[in-house]
Amino acid sequence: MTGKTFLTELATQCRIGCDANERKAFQPILIDISCETDMAAAIVSDKRSDCVDYCDLRQIALELAEKTAYRLLEKLAYEIAQAVLKLSRVQAVTVEIRKPHKLAGCKAVGISLTLRAEETKHA
């Protein structure tokens, strides 16, 4: 049985930007992660160990965003997606990252990236 495990609007800061000056200071970002997951074992057992734990999603995103500097949101999203796909039962993951109020008149700018488990086997 397939379902989705997700977290939305995880607020953190990271060093990100196309030039070195932009990467000098931490910038606020919002991260959404949505995983297509096999929920059959969790439904039968009712045990946390049989599900994709959104606490793990949070930890992965925070570690990668806060401890590394990136030029592009695409690279950060890809790194998060690859790490999430290593979790048991994750079949696909979509990572969306937004920079709030980056451009005048916009609530946020950002990207969305989807990666499927079978795509990483050939990479």
PDB file of N, CA and C in Angstrom:
ATOM      1  N   MET A   1       0.855  -1.175   0.000  1.00  0.00           N
ATOM      2  CA  MET A   1       0.000   0.000   0.000  1.00  0.00           C
ATOM      3  C   MET A   1       0.902   1.238   0.000  1.00  0.00           C
ATOM      4  N   THR A   2       0.703   2.083  -0.962  1.00  0.00           N
ATOM      5  CA  THR A   2       1.523   3.280  -1.108  1.00  0.00           C
ATOM      6  C   THR A   2       0.821   4.488  -0.519  1.00  0.00           C
ATOM      7  N   GLY A   3       1.595   5.329   0.153  1.00  0.00           N
ATOM      8  CA  GLY A   3       1.084   6.577   0.713  1.00  0.00           C
ATOM      9  C   GLY A   3       2.172   7.627   0.659  1.00  0.00           C
ATOM     10  N   LYS A   4       1.942   8.718   1.366  1.00  0.00           N
ATOM     11  CA  LYS A   4       2.933   9.801   1.403  1.00  0.00           C
ATOM     12  C   LYS A   4       3.246  10.166   2.840  1.00  0.00           C
ATOM     13  N   THR A   5       4.511  10.336   3.097  1.00  0.00           N
ATOM     14  CA  THR A   5       5.000  10.884   4.361  1.00  0.00           C
ATOM     15  C   THR A   5       5.637  12.216   3.997  1.00  0.00           C
ATOM     16  N   PHE A   6       5.332  13.255   4.758  1.00  0.00           N
ATOM     17  CA  PHE A   6       5.808  14.568   4.350  1.00  0.00           C
ATOM     18  C   PHE A   6       6.060  15.482   5.543  1.00  0.00           C
ATOM     19  N   LEU A   7       6.808  16.525   5.264  1.00  0.00           N
ATOM     20  CA  LEU A   7       6.928  17.669   6.172  1.00  0.00           C
ATOM     21  C   LEU A   7       6.881  18.912   5.310  1.00  0.00           C
ATOM     22  N   THR A   8       6.329  19.980   5.866  1.00  0.00           N
ATOM     23  CA  THR A   8       6.202  21.212   5.089  1.00  0.00           C
ATOM     24  C   THR A   8       6.742  22.405   5.861  1.00  0.00           C
ATOM     25  N   GLU A   9       7.300  23.319   5.104  1.00  0.00           N
ATOM     26  CA  GLU A   9       7.792  24.595   5.605  1.00  0.00           C
ATOM     27  C   GLU A   9       8.760  24.471   6.782  1.00  0.00           C
ATOM     28  N   LEU A  10       9.693  23.521   6.638  1.00  0.00           N
ATOM     29  CA  LEU A  10      10.775  23.420   7.614  1.00  0.00           C
ATOM     30  C   LEU A  10      11.652  24.661   7.442  1.00  0.00           C
ATOM     31  N   ALA A  11      11.666  25.491   8.444  1.00  0.00           N
ATOM     32  CA  ALA A  11      12.417  26.747   8.379  1.00  0.00           C
ATOM     33  C   ALA A  11      13.830  26.526   8.901  1.00  0.00           C
ATOM     34  N   THR A  12      14.797  26.923   8.093  1.00  0.00           N
ATOM     35  CA  THR A  12      16.192  26.853   8.500  1.00  0.00           C
ATOM     36  C   THR A  12      16.954  27.926   7.749  1.00  0.00           C
ATOM     37  N   GLN A  13      18.256  27.925   7.915  1.00  0.00           N
ATOM     38  CA  GLN A  13      19.105  28.874   7.200  1.00  0.00           C
ATOM     39  C   GLN A  13      20.274  28.116   6.598  1.00  0.00           C
ATOM     40  N   CYS A  14      20.736  28.605   5.466  1.00  0.00           N
ATOM     41  CA  CYS A  14      21.894  27.977   4.843  1.00  0.00           C
ATOM     42  C   CYS A  14      22.695  29.018   4.078  1.00  0.00           C
ATOM     43  N   ARG A  15      23.896  28.611   3.735  1.00  0.00           N
ATOM     44  CA  ARG A  15      24.748  29.436   2.878  1.00  0.00           C
ATOM     45  C   ARG A  15      24.483  28.977   1.453  1.00  0.00           C
ATOM     46  N   ILE A  16      23.846  29.835   0.681  1.00  0.00           N
ATOM     47  CA  ILE A  16      23.488  29.456  -0.676  1.00  0.00           C
ATOM     48  C   ILE A  16      23.503  30.689  -1.565  1.00  0.00           C
ATOM     49  N   GLY A  17      23.972  30.520  -2.780  1.00  0.00           N
ATOM     50  CA  GLY A  17      24.000  31.648  -3.710  1.00  0.00           C
ATOM     51  C   GLY A  17      25.017  31.427  -4.802  1.00  0.00           C
ATOM     52  N   CYS A  18      24.848  32.132  -5.883  1.00  0.00           N
ATOM     53  CA  CYS A  18      25.704  31.946  -7.055  1.00  0.00           C
ATOM     54  C   CYS A  18      27.094  32.546  -6.884  1.00  0.00           C
ATOM     55  N   ASP A  19      27.242  33.539  -6.024  1.00  0.00           N
ATOM     56  CA  ASP A  19      28.570  34.114  -5.841  1.00  0.00           C
ATOM     57  C   ASP A  19      28.997  34.030  -4.369  1.00  0.00           C
ATOM     58  N   ALA A  20      30.289  34.178  -4.149  1.00  0.00           N
ATOM     59  CA  ALA A  20      30.863  34.017  -2.814  1.00  0.00           C
ATOM     60  C   ALA A  20      30.288  35.007  -1.813  1.00  0.00           C
ATOM     61  N   ASN A  21      30.009  36.243  -2.256  1.00  0.00           N
ATOM     62  CA  ASN A  21      29.440  37.236  -1.347  1.00  0.00           C
ATOM     63  C   ASN A  21      28.075  36.804  -0.827  1.00  0.00           C
ATOM     64  N   GLU A  22      27.275  36.229  -1.706  1.00  0.00           N
ATOM     65  CA  GLU A  22      25.942  35.771  -1.302  1.00  0.00           C
ATOM     66  C   GLU A  22      26.040  34.597  -0.317  1.00  0.00           C
ATOM     67  N   ARG A  23      27.064  33.771  -0.460  1.00  0.00           N
ATOM     68  CA  ARG A  23      27.236  32.610   0.417  1.00  0.00           C
ATOM     69  C   ARG A  23      27.907  32.954   1.742  1.00  0.00           C
ATOM     70  N   LYS A  24      28.350  34.192   1.928  1.00  0.00           N
ATOM     71  CA  LYS A  24      29.011  34.575   3.184  1.00  0.00           C
ATOM     72  C   LYS A  24      28.059  34.548   4.367  1.00  0.00           C
ATOM     73  N   ALA A  25      26.826  34.908   4.138  1.00  0.00           N
ATOM     74  CA  ALA A  25      25.854  34.988   5.228  1.00  0.00           C
ATOM     75  C   ALA A  25      24.789  33.908   5.058  1.00  0.00           C
ATOM     76  N   PHE A  26      24.279  33.441   6.173  1.00  0.00           N
ATOM     77  CA  PHE A  26      23.171  32.499   6.130  1.00  0.00           C
ATOM     78  C   PHE A  26      21.918  33.202   5.617  1.00  0.00           C
ATOM     79  N   GLN A  27      21.150  32.484   4.810  1.00  0.00           N
ATOM     80  CA  GLN A  27      19.889  32.999   4.269  1.00  0.00           C
ATOM     81  C   GLN A  27      18.750  32.085   4.724  1.00  0.00           C
ATOM     82  N   PRO A  28      17.587  32.645   4.999  1.00  0.00           N
ATOM     83  CA  PRO A  28      16.457  31.799   5.378  1.00  0.00           C
ATOM     84  C   PRO A  28      15.926  31.019   4.173  1.00  0.00           C
ATOM     85  N   ILE A  29      15.590  29.757   4.420  1.00  0.00           N
ATOM     86  CA  ILE A  29      14.939  28.930   3.406  1.00  0.00           C
ATOM     87  C   ILE A  29      13.822  28.129   4.068  1.00  0.00           C
ATOM     88  N   LEU A  30      12.890  27.692   3.254  1.00  0.00           N
ATOM     89  CA  LEU A  30      11.817  26.801   3.690  1.00  0.00           C
ATOM     90  C   LEU A  30      11.909  25.532   2.852  1.00  0.00           C
ATOM     91  N   ILE A  31      11.831  24.377   3.520  1.00  0.00           N
ATOM     92  CA  ILE A  31      11.982  23.097   2.837  1.00  0.00           C
ATOM     93  C   ILE A  31      10.718  22.255   3.034  1.00  0.00           C
ATOM     94  N   ASP A  32      10.221  21.707   1.937  1.00  0.00           N
ATOM     95  CA  ASP A  32       9.141  20.721   1.971  1.00  0.00           C
ATOM     96  C   ASP A  32       9.711  19.415   1.432  1.00  0.00           C
ATOM     97  N   ILE A  33       9.352  18.309   2.076  1.00  0.00           N
ATOM     98  CA  ILE A  33       9.748  16.986   1.597  1.00  0.00           C
ATOM     99  C   ILE A  33       8.505  16.111   1.591  1.00  0.00           C
ATOM    100  N   SER A  34       8.258  15.464   0.465  1.00  0.00           N
ATOM    101  CA  SER A  34       7.133  14.544   0.356  1.00  0.00           C
ATOM    102  C   SER A  34       7.642  13.230  -0.228  1.00  0.00           C
ATOM    103  N   CYS A  35       7.434  12.133   0.499  1.00  0.00           N
ATOM    104  CA  CYS A  35       7.929  10.827   0.086  1.00  0.00           C
ATOM    105  C   CYS A  35       6.783   9.906  -0.277  1.00  0.00           C
ATOM    106  N   GLU A  36       6.900   9.274  -1.420  1.00  0.00           N
ATOM    107  CA  GLU A  36       6.011   8.171  -1.767  1.00  0.00           C
ATOM    108  C   GLU A  36       6.591   6.947  -1.073  1.00  0.00           C
ATOM    109  N   THR A  37       5.791   6.326  -0.207  1.00  0.00           N
ATOM    110  CA  THR A  37       6.315   5.268   0.642  1.00  0.00           C
ATOM    111  C   THR A  37       5.424   4.030   0.634  1.00  0.00           C
ATOM    112  N   ASP A  38       6.046   2.899   0.925  1.00  0.00           N
ATOM    113  CA  ASP A  38       5.315   1.652   1.130  1.00  0.00           C
ATOM    114  C   ASP A  38       4.885   1.633   2.597  1.00  0.00           C
ATOM    115  N   MET A  39       3.589   1.753   2.839  1.00  0.00           N
ATOM    116  CA  MET A  39       3.062   1.829   4.201  1.00  0.00           C
ATOM    117  C   MET A  39       2.499   0.506   4.711  1.00  0.00           C
ATOM    118  N   ALA A  40       2.592  -0.564   3.934  1.00  0.00           N
ATOM    119  CA  ALA A  40       1.971  -1.836   4.302  1.00  0.00           C
ATOM    120  C   ALA A  40       2.452  -2.351   5.656  1.00  0.00           C
ATOM    121  N   ALA A  41       3.751  -2.391   5.870  1.00  0.00           N
ATOM    122  CA  ALA A  41       4.280  -2.929   7.136  1.00  0.00           C
ATOM    123  C   ALA A  41       3.846  -2.085   8.325  1.00  0.00           C
ATOM    124  N   ALA A  42       3.858  -0.772   8.184  1.00  0.00           N
ATOM    125  CA  ALA A  42       3.462   0.118   9.277  1.00  0.00           C
ATOM    126  C   ALA A  42       1.982  -0.047   9.624  1.00  0.00           C
ATOM    127  N   ILE A  43       1.163  -0.238   8.607  1.00  0.00           N
ATOM    128  CA  ILE A  43      -0.271  -0.417   8.839  1.00  0.00           C
ATOM    129  C   ILE A  43      -0.531  -1.706   9.607  1.00  0.00           C
ATOM    130  N   VAL A  44       0.171  -2.762   9.256  1.00  0.00           N
ATOM    131  CA  VAL A  44      -0.017  -4.055   9.922  1.00  0.00           C
ATOM    132  C   VAL A  44       0.537  -4.030  11.347  1.00  0.00           C
ATOM    133  N   SER A  45       1.754  -3.507  11.512  1.00  0.00           N
ATOM    134  CA  SER A  45       2.431  -3.577  12.815  1.00  0.00           C
ATOM    135  C   SER A  45       2.072  -2.455  13.777  1.00  0.00           C
ATOM    136  N   ASP A  46       1.709  -1.300  13.235  1.00  0.00           N
ATOM    137  CA  ASP A  46       1.459  -0.102  14.048  1.00  0.00           C
ATOM    138  C   ASP A  46       2.705   0.305  14.834  1.00  0.00           C
ATOM    139  N   LYS A  47       3.891   0.058  14.228  1.00  0.00           N
ATOM    140  CA  LYS A  47       5.164   0.376  14.877  1.00  0.00           C
ATOM    141  C   LYS A  47       5.900   1.445  14.087  1.00  0.00           C
ATOM    142  N   ARG A  48       6.493   2.358  14.821  1.00  0.00           N
ATOM    143  CA  ARG A  48       7.259   3.446  14.209  1.00  0.00           C
ATOM    144  C   ARG A  48       8.409   2.920  13.348  1.00  0.00           C
ATOM    145  N   SER A  49       8.993   1.820  13.768  1.00  0.00           N
ATOM    146  CA  SER A  49      10.136   1.262  13.042  1.00  0.00           C
ATOM    147  C   SER A  49       9.761   0.768  11.645  1.00  0.00           C
ATOM    148  N   ASP A  50       8.484   0.615  11.359  1.00  0.00           N
ATOM    149  CA  ASP A  50       8.030   0.136  10.064  1.00  0.00           C
ATOM    150  C   ASP A  50       7.530   1.246   9.137  1.00  0.00           C
ATOM    151  N   CYS A  51       7.786   2.486   9.497  1.00  0.00           N
ATOM    152  CA  CYS A  51       7.327   3.601   8.658  1.00  0.00           C
ATOM    153  C   CYS A  51       8.508   4.492   8.283  1.00  0.00           C
ATOM    154  N   VAL A  52       8.263   5.417   7.384  1.00  0.00           N
ATOM    155  CA  VAL A  52       9.223   6.478   7.099  1.00  0.00           C
ATOM    156  C   VAL A  52       8.941   7.568   8.120  1.00  0.00           C
ATOM    157  N   ASP A  53       9.889   7.828   8.967  1.00  0.00           N
ATOM    158  CA  ASP A  53       9.708   8.751  10.094  1.00  0.00           C
ATOM    159  C   ASP A  53       9.994  10.182   9.646  1.00  0.00           C
ATOM    160  N   TYR A  54       9.016  11.051   9.811  1.00  0.00           N
ATOM    161  CA  TYR A  54       9.227  12.448   9.389  1.00  0.00           C
ATOM    162  C   TYR A  54      10.297  13.126  10.231  1.00  0.00           C
ATOM    163  N   CYS A  55      10.611  12.598  11.405  1.00  0.00           N
ATOM    164  CA  CYS A  55      11.736  13.141  12.189  1.00  0.00           C
ATOM    165  C   CYS A  55      13.054  12.909  11.449  1.00  0.00           C
ATOM    166  N   ASP A  56      13.160  11.768  10.760  1.00  0.00           N
ATOM    167  CA  ASP A  56      14.355  11.494   9.954  1.00  0.00           C
ATOM    168  C   ASP A  56      14.448  12.456   8.775  1.00  0.00           C
ATOM    169  N   LEU A  57      13.313  12.748   8.161  1.00  0.00           N
ATOM    170  CA  LEU A  57      13.301  13.707   7.046  1.00  0.00           C
ATOM    171  C   LEU A  57      13.813  15.062   7.514  1.00  0.00           C
ATOM    172  N   ARG A  58      13.335  15.491   8.654  1.00  0.00           N
ATOM    173  CA  ARG A  58      13.751  16.777   9.230  1.00  0.00           C
ATOM    174  C   ARG A  58      15.258  16.795   9.483  1.00  0.00           C
ATOM    175  N   GLN A  59      15.764  15.738  10.086  1.00  0.00           N
ATOM    176  CA  GLN A  59      17.192  15.665  10.420  1.00  0.00           C
ATOM    177  C   GLN A  59      18.060  15.715   9.168  1.00  0.00           C
ATOM    178  N   ILE A  60      17.681  14.973   8.147  1.00  0.00           N
ATOM    179  CA  ILE A  60      18.432  14.965   6.891  1.00  0.00           C
ATOM    180  C   ILE A  60      18.484  16.376   6.301  1.00  0.00           C
ATOM    181  N   ALA A  61      17.327  17.016   6.212  1.00  0.00           N
ATOM    182  CA  ALA A  61      17.269  18.357   5.611  1.00  0.00           C
ATOM    183  C   ALA A  61      18.101  19.360   6.389  1.00  0.00           C
ATOM    184  N   LEU A  62      17.984  19.338   7.717  1.00  0.00           N
ATOM    185  CA  LEU A  62      18.728  20.295   8.535  1.00  0.00           C
ATOM    186  C   LEU A  62      20.232  20.082   8.423  1.00  0.00           C
ATOM    187  N   GLU A  63      20.662  18.838   8.487  1.00  0.00           N
ATOM    188  CA  GLU A  63      22.100  18.564   8.404  1.00  0.00           C
ATOM    189  C   GLU A  63      22.689  19.036   7.087  1.00  0.00           C
ATOM    190  N   LEU A  64      22.019  18.756   5.995  1.00  0.00           N
ATOM    191  CA  LEU A  64      22.557  19.149   4.690  1.00  0.00           C
ATOM    192  C   LEU A  64      22.470  20.655   4.458  1.00  0.00           C
ATOM    193  N   ALA A  65      21.399  21.272   4.887  1.00  0.00           N
ATOM    194  CA  ALA A  65      21.236  22.711   4.662  1.00  0.00           C
ATOM    195  C   ALA A  65      22.164  23.541   5.538  1.00  0.00           C
ATOM    196  N   GLU A  66      22.302  23.168   6.789  1.00  0.00           N
ATOM    197  CA  GLU A  66      23.025  24.007   7.742  1.00  0.00           C
ATOM    198  C   GLU A  66      24.534  23.787   7.750  1.00  0.00           C
ATOM    199  N   LYS A  67      24.993  22.667   7.257  1.00  0.00           N
ATOM    200  CA  LYS A  67      26.411  22.345   7.383  1.00  0.00           C
ATOM    201  C   LYS A  67      27.192  22.409   6.084  1.00  0.00           C
ATOM    202  N   THR A  68      26.547  22.812   5.005  1.00  0.00           N
ATOM    203  CA  THR A  68      27.198  22.848   3.711  1.00  0.00           C
ATOM    204  C   THR A  68      26.823  24.125   2.980  1.00  0.00           C
ATOM    205  N   ALA A  69      27.693  24.606   2.113  1.00  0.00           N
ATOM    206  CA  ALA A  69      27.390  25.777   1.278  1.00  0.00           C
ATOM    207  C   ALA A  69      27.144  25.312  -0.151  1.00  0.00           C
ATOM    208  N   TYR A  70      26.092  25.826  -0.743  1.00  0.00           N
ATOM    209  CA  TYR A  70      25.727  25.470  -2.112  1.00  0.00           C
ATOM    210  C   TYR A  70      25.594  26.729  -2.952  1.00  0.00           C
ATOM    211  N   ARG A  71      25.756  26.581  -4.249  1.00  0.00           N
ATOM    212  CA  ARG A  71      25.490  27.687  -5.164  1.00  0.00           C
ATOM    213  C   ARG A  71      24.007  27.715  -5.544  1.00  0.00           C
ATOM    214  N   LEU A  72      23.434  26.526  -5.766  1.00  0.00           N
ATOM    215  CA  LEU A  72      22.076  26.441  -6.288  1.00  0.00           C
ATOM    216  C   LEU A  72      21.139  25.651  -5.377  1.00  0.00           C
ATOM    217  N   LEU A  73      19.890  26.074  -5.341  1.00  0.00           N
ATOM    218  CA  LEU A  73      18.867  25.321  -4.617  1.00  0.00           C
ATOM    219  C   LEU A  73      18.719  23.919  -5.207  1.00  0.00           C
ATOM    220  N   GLU A  74      18.905  23.793  -6.518  1.00  0.00           N
ATOM    221  CA  GLU A  74      18.795  22.494  -7.170  1.00  0.00           C
ATOM    222  C   GLU A  74      19.766  21.480  -6.574  1.00  0.00           C
ATOM    223  N   LYS A  75      20.985  21.900  -6.311  1.00  0.00           N
ATOM    224  CA  LYS A  75      21.995  20.993  -5.747  1.00  0.00           C
ATOM    225  C   LYS A  75      21.614  20.576  -4.328  1.00  0.00           C
ATOM    226  N   LEU A  76      21.186  21.520  -3.523  1.00  0.00           N
ATOM    227  CA  LEU A  76      20.757  21.194  -2.160  1.00  0.00           C
ATOM    228  C   LEU A  76      19.567  20.237  -2.192  1.00  0.00           C
ATOM    229  N   ALA A  77      18.581  20.507  -3.034  1.00  0.00           N
ATOM    230  CA  ALA A  77      17.410  19.634  -3.138  1.00  0.00           C
ATOM    231  C   ALA A  77      17.812  18.227  -3.574  1.00  0.00           C
ATOM    232  N   TYR A  78      18.733  18.133  -4.522  1.00  0.00           N
ATOM    233  CA  TYR A  78      19.195  16.826  -4.996  1.00  0.00           C
ATOM    234  C   TYR A  78      19.900  16.055  -3.884  1.00  0.00           C
ATOM    235  N   GLU A  79      20.736  16.729  -3.124  1.00  0.00           N
ATOM    236  CA  GLU A  79      21.448  16.072  -2.021  1.00  0.00           C
ATOM    237  C   GLU A  79      20.452  15.566  -0.974  1.00  0.00           C
ATOM    238  N   ILE A  80      19.453  16.375  -0.654  1.00  0.00           N
ATOM    239  CA  ILE A  80      18.420  15.950   0.299  1.00  0.00           C
ATOM    240  C   ILE A  80      17.663  14.754  -0.262  1.00  0.00           C
ATOM    241  N   ALA A  81      17.259  14.832  -1.521  1.00  0.00           N
ATOM    242  CA  ALA A  81      16.497  13.746  -2.139  1.00  0.00           C
ATOM    243  C   ALA A  81      17.285  12.438  -2.149  1.00  0.00           C
ATOM    244  N   GLN A  82      18.556  12.503  -2.486  1.00  0.00           N
ATOM    245  CA  GLN A  82      19.378  11.284  -2.482  1.00  0.00           C
ATOM    246  C   GLN A  82      19.453  10.667  -1.084  1.00  0.00           C
ATOM    247  N   ALA A  83      19.629  11.502  -0.075  1.00  0.00           N
ATOM    248  CA  ALA A  83      19.708  10.996   1.301  1.00  0.00           C
ATOM    249  C   ALA A  83      18.383  10.377   1.739  1.00  0.00           C
ATOM    250  N   VAL A  84      17.278  10.996   1.379  1.00  0.00           N
ATOM    251  CA  VAL A  84      15.958  10.474   1.750  1.00  0.00           C
ATOM    252  C   VAL A  84      15.697   9.145   1.050  1.00  0.00           C
ATOM    253  N   LEU A  85      16.116   8.999  -0.187  1.00  0.00           N
ATOM    254  CA  LEU A  85      15.901   7.744  -0.906  1.00  0.00           C
ATOM    255  C   LEU A  85      16.647   6.570  -0.293  1.00  0.00           C
ATOM    256  N   LYS A  86      17.630   6.839   0.538  1.00  0.00           N
ATOM    257  CA  LYS A  86      18.356   5.767   1.224  1.00  0.00           C
ATOM    258  C   LYS A  86      17.552   5.189   2.384  1.00  0.00           C
ATOM    259  N   LEU A  87      16.500   5.896   2.804  1.00  0.00           N
ATOM    260  CA  LEU A  87      15.656   5.385   3.879  1.00  0.00           C
ATOM    261  C   LEU A  87      14.826   4.208   3.361  1.00  0.00           C
ATOM    262  N   SER A  88      14.649   3.236   4.204  1.00  0.00           N
ATOM    263  CA  SER A  88      13.851   2.069   3.856  1.00  0.00           C
ATOM    264  C   SER A  88      12.418   2.479   3.532  1.00  0.00           C
ATOM    265  N   ARG A  89      11.849   1.868   2.508  1.00  0.00           N
ATOM    266  CA  ARG A  89      10.455   2.031   2.094  1.00  0.00           C
ATOM    267  C   ARG A  89      10.165   3.283   1.261  1.00  0.00           C
ATOM    268  N   VAL A  90      11.164   4.142   1.005  1.00  0.00           N
ATOM    269  CA  VAL A  90      10.928   5.328   0.184  1.00  0.00           C
ATOM    270  C   VAL A  90      11.085   4.940  -1.282  1.00  0.00           C
ATOM    271  N   GLN A  91      10.035   5.179  -2.062  1.00  0.00           N
ATOM    272  CA  GLN A  91      10.037   4.847  -3.477  1.00  0.00           C
ATOM    273  C   GLN A  91      10.335   6.063  -4.350  1.00  0.00           C
ATOM    274  N   ALA A  92       9.926   7.236  -3.887  1.00  0.00           N
ATOM    275  CA  ALA A  92      10.175   8.489  -4.599  1.00  0.00           C
ATOM    276  C   ALA A  92      10.101   9.622  -3.596  1.00  0.00           C
ATOM    277  N   VAL A  93      10.770  10.720  -3.925  1.00  0.00           N
ATOM    278  CA  VAL A  93      10.760  11.881  -3.030  1.00  0.00           C
ATOM    279  C   VAL A  93      10.716  13.162  -3.856  1.00  0.00           C
ATOM    280  N   THR A  94       9.937  14.104  -3.363  1.00  0.00           N
ATOM    281  CA  THR A  94       9.918  15.448  -3.937  1.00  0.00           C
ATOM    282  C   THR A  94      10.402  16.415  -2.871  1.00  0.00           C
ATOM    283  N   VAL A  95      11.389  17.215  -3.235  1.00  0.00           N
ATOM    284  CA  VAL A  95      11.934  18.227  -2.326  1.00  0.00           C
ATOM    285  C   VAL A  95      11.664  19.586  -2.955  1.00  0.00           C
ATOM    286  N   GLU A  96      11.043  20.447  -2.184  1.00  0.00           N
ATOM    287  CA  GLU A  96      10.792  21.817  -2.625  1.00  0.00           C
ATOM    288  C   GLU A  96      11.518  22.744  -1.658  1.00  0.00           C
ATOM    289  N   ILE A  97      12.264  23.685  -2.204  1.00  0.00           N
ATOM    290  CA  ILE A  97      12.985  24.656  -1.366  1.00  0.00           C
ATOM    291  C   ILE A  97      12.621  26.049  -1.848  1.00  0.00           C
ATOM    292  N   ARG A  98      12.278  26.891  -0.892  1.00  0.00           N
ATOM    293  CA  ARG A  98      11.915  28.273  -1.203  1.00  0.00           C
ATOM    294  C   ARG A  98      12.790  29.240  -0.416  1.00  0.00           C
ATOM    295  N   LYS A  99      13.124  30.360  -1.067  1.00  0.00           N
ATOM    296  CA  LYS A  99      13.757  31.499  -0.402  1.00  0.00           C
ATOM    297  C   LYS A  99      12.651  32.534  -0.208  1.00  0.00           C
ATOM    298  N   PRO A 100      12.220  32.746   1.018  1.00  0.00           N
ATOM    299  CA  PRO A 100      11.132  33.709   1.233  1.00  0.00           C
ATOM    300  C   PRO A 100      11.595  35.145   1.002  1.00  0.00           C
ATOM    301  N   HIS A 101      10.739  35.918   0.350  1.00  0.00           N
ATOM    302  CA  HIS A 101      10.942  37.356   0.147  1.00  0.00           C
ATOM    303  C   HIS A 101      12.278  37.687  -0.519  1.00  0.00           C
ATOM    304  N   LYS A 102      12.755  36.787  -1.371  1.00  0.00           N
ATOM    305  CA  LYS A 102      14.029  37.015  -2.060  1.00  0.00           C
ATOM    306  C   LYS A 102      13.908  38.111  -3.123  1.00  0.00           C
ATOM    307  N   LEU A 103      12.779  38.138  -3.818  1.00  0.00           N
ATOM    308  CA  LEU A 103      12.548  39.152  -4.841  1.00  0.00           C
ATOM    309  C   LEU A 103      11.379  40.038  -4.434  1.00  0.00           C
ATOM    310  N   ALA A 104      11.515  41.322  -4.699  1.00  0.00           N
ATOM    311  CA  ALA A 104      10.447  42.267  -4.369  1.00  0.00           C
ATOM    312  C   ALA A 104       9.138  41.836  -5.024  1.00  0.00           C
ATOM    313  N   GLY A 105       8.087  41.875  -4.254  1.00  0.00           N
ATOM    314  CA  GLY A 105       6.771  41.532  -4.759  1.00  0.00           C
ATOM    315  C   GLY A 105       6.451  40.047  -4.763  1.00  0.00           C
ATOM    316  N   CYS A 106       7.416  39.210  -4.393  1.00  0.00           N
ATOM    317  CA  CYS A 106       7.201  37.756  -4.362  1.00  0.00           C
ATOM    318  C   CYS A 106       7.236  37.258  -2.919  1.00  0.00           C
ATOM    319  N   LYS A 107       6.271  36.440  -2.580  1.00  0.00           N
ATOM    320  CA  LYS A 107       6.291  35.818  -1.255  1.00  0.00           C
ATOM    321  C   LYS A 107       7.507  34.895  -1.131  1.00  0.00           C
ATOM    322  N   ALA A 108       7.826  34.183  -2.215  1.00  0.00           N
ATOM    323  CA  ALA A 108       8.990  33.292  -2.215  1.00  0.00           C
ATOM    324  C   ALA A 108       9.361  32.935  -3.647  1.00  0.00           C
ATOM    325  N   VAL A 109      10.610  32.513  -3.813  1.00  0.00           N
ATOM    326  CA  VAL A 109      11.087  31.923  -5.059  1.00  0.00           C
ATOM    327  C   VAL A 109      11.680  30.575  -4.694  1.00  0.00           C
ATOM    328  N   GLY A 110      11.760  29.678  -5.651  1.00  0.00           N
ATOM    329  CA  GLY A 110      12.342  28.394  -5.304  1.00  0.00           C
ATOM    330  C   GLY A 110      12.249  27.369  -6.402  1.00  0.00           C
ATOM    331  N   ILE A 111      12.499  26.123  -6.007  1.00  0.00           N
ATOM    332  CA  ILE A 111      12.512  25.013  -6.954  1.00  0.00           C
ATOM    333  C   ILE A 111      11.833  23.801  -6.330  1.00  0.00           C
ATOM    334  N   SER A 112      11.454  22.880  -7.195  1.00  0.00           N
ATOM    335  CA  SER A 112      10.912  21.598  -6.772  1.00  0.00           C
ATOM    336  C   SER A 112      11.588  20.519  -7.609  1.00  0.00           C
ATOM    337  N   LEU A 113      12.034  19.446  -6.945  1.00  0.00           N
ATOM    338  CA  LEU A 113      12.755  18.373  -7.623  1.00  0.00           C
ATOM    339  C   LEU A 113      12.171  17.040  -7.169  1.00  0.00           C
ATOM    340  N   THR A 114      11.907  16.144  -8.101  1.00  0.00           N
ATOM    341  CA  THR A 114      11.423  14.802  -7.773  1.00  0.00           C
ATOM    342  C   THR A 114      12.440  13.784  -8.244  1.00  0.00           C
ATOM    343  N   LEU A 115      12.727  12.829  -7.366  1.00  0.00           N
ATOM    344  CA  LEU A 115      13.684  11.773  -7.669  1.00  0.00           C
ATOM    345  C   LEU A 115      13.060  10.441  -7.278  1.00  0.00           C
ATOM    346  N   ARG A 116      13.147   9.459  -8.166  1.00  0.00           N
ATOM    347  CA  ARG A 116      12.606   8.124  -7.922  1.00  0.00           C
ATOM    348  C   ARG A 116      13.755   7.164  -7.635  1.00  0.00           C
ATOM    349  N   ALA A 117      13.496   6.163  -6.825  1.00  0.00           N
ATOM    350  CA  ALA A 117      14.527   5.202  -6.436  1.00  0.00           C
ATOM    351  C   ALA A 117      15.201   4.574  -7.648  1.00  0.00           C
ATOM    352  N   GLU A 118      14.426   4.229  -8.674  1.00  0.00           N
ATOM    353  CA  GLU A 118      15.014   3.576  -9.846  1.00  0.00           C
ATOM    354  C   GLU A 118      15.950   4.514 -10.611  1.00  0.00           C
ATOM    355  N   GLU A 119      15.788   5.817 -10.483  1.00  0.00           N
ATOM    356  CA  GLU A 119      16.673   6.774 -11.151  1.00  0.00           C
ATOM    357  C   GLU A 119      18.054   6.792 -10.507  1.00  0.00           C
ATOM    358  N   THR A 120      18.130   6.557  -9.225  1.00  0.00           N
ATOM    359  CA  THR A 120      19.424   6.600  -8.532  1.00  0.00           C
ATOM    360  C   THR A 120      20.226   5.339  -8.763  1.00  0.00           C
ATOM    361  N   LYS A 121      19.583   4.246  -9.142  1.00  0.00           N
ATOM    362  CA  LYS A 121      20.301   2.990  -9.391  1.00  0.00           C
ATOM    363  C   LYS A 121      21.166   3.088 -10.633  1.00  0.00           C
ATOM    364  N   HIS A 122      20.812   3.989 -11.552  1.00  0.00           N
ATOM    365  CA  HIS A 122      21.561   4.141 -12.800  1.00  0.00           C
ATOM    366  C   HIS A 122      22.520   5.319 -12.777  1.00  0.00           C
ATOM    367  N   ALA A 123      22.484   6.096 -11.713  1.00  0.00           N
ATOM    368  CA  ALA A 123      23.320   7.312 -11.652  1.00  0.00           C
ATOM    369  C   ALA A 123      24.720   6.980 -11.176  1.00  0.00           C
TER     370      ALA A 123
END
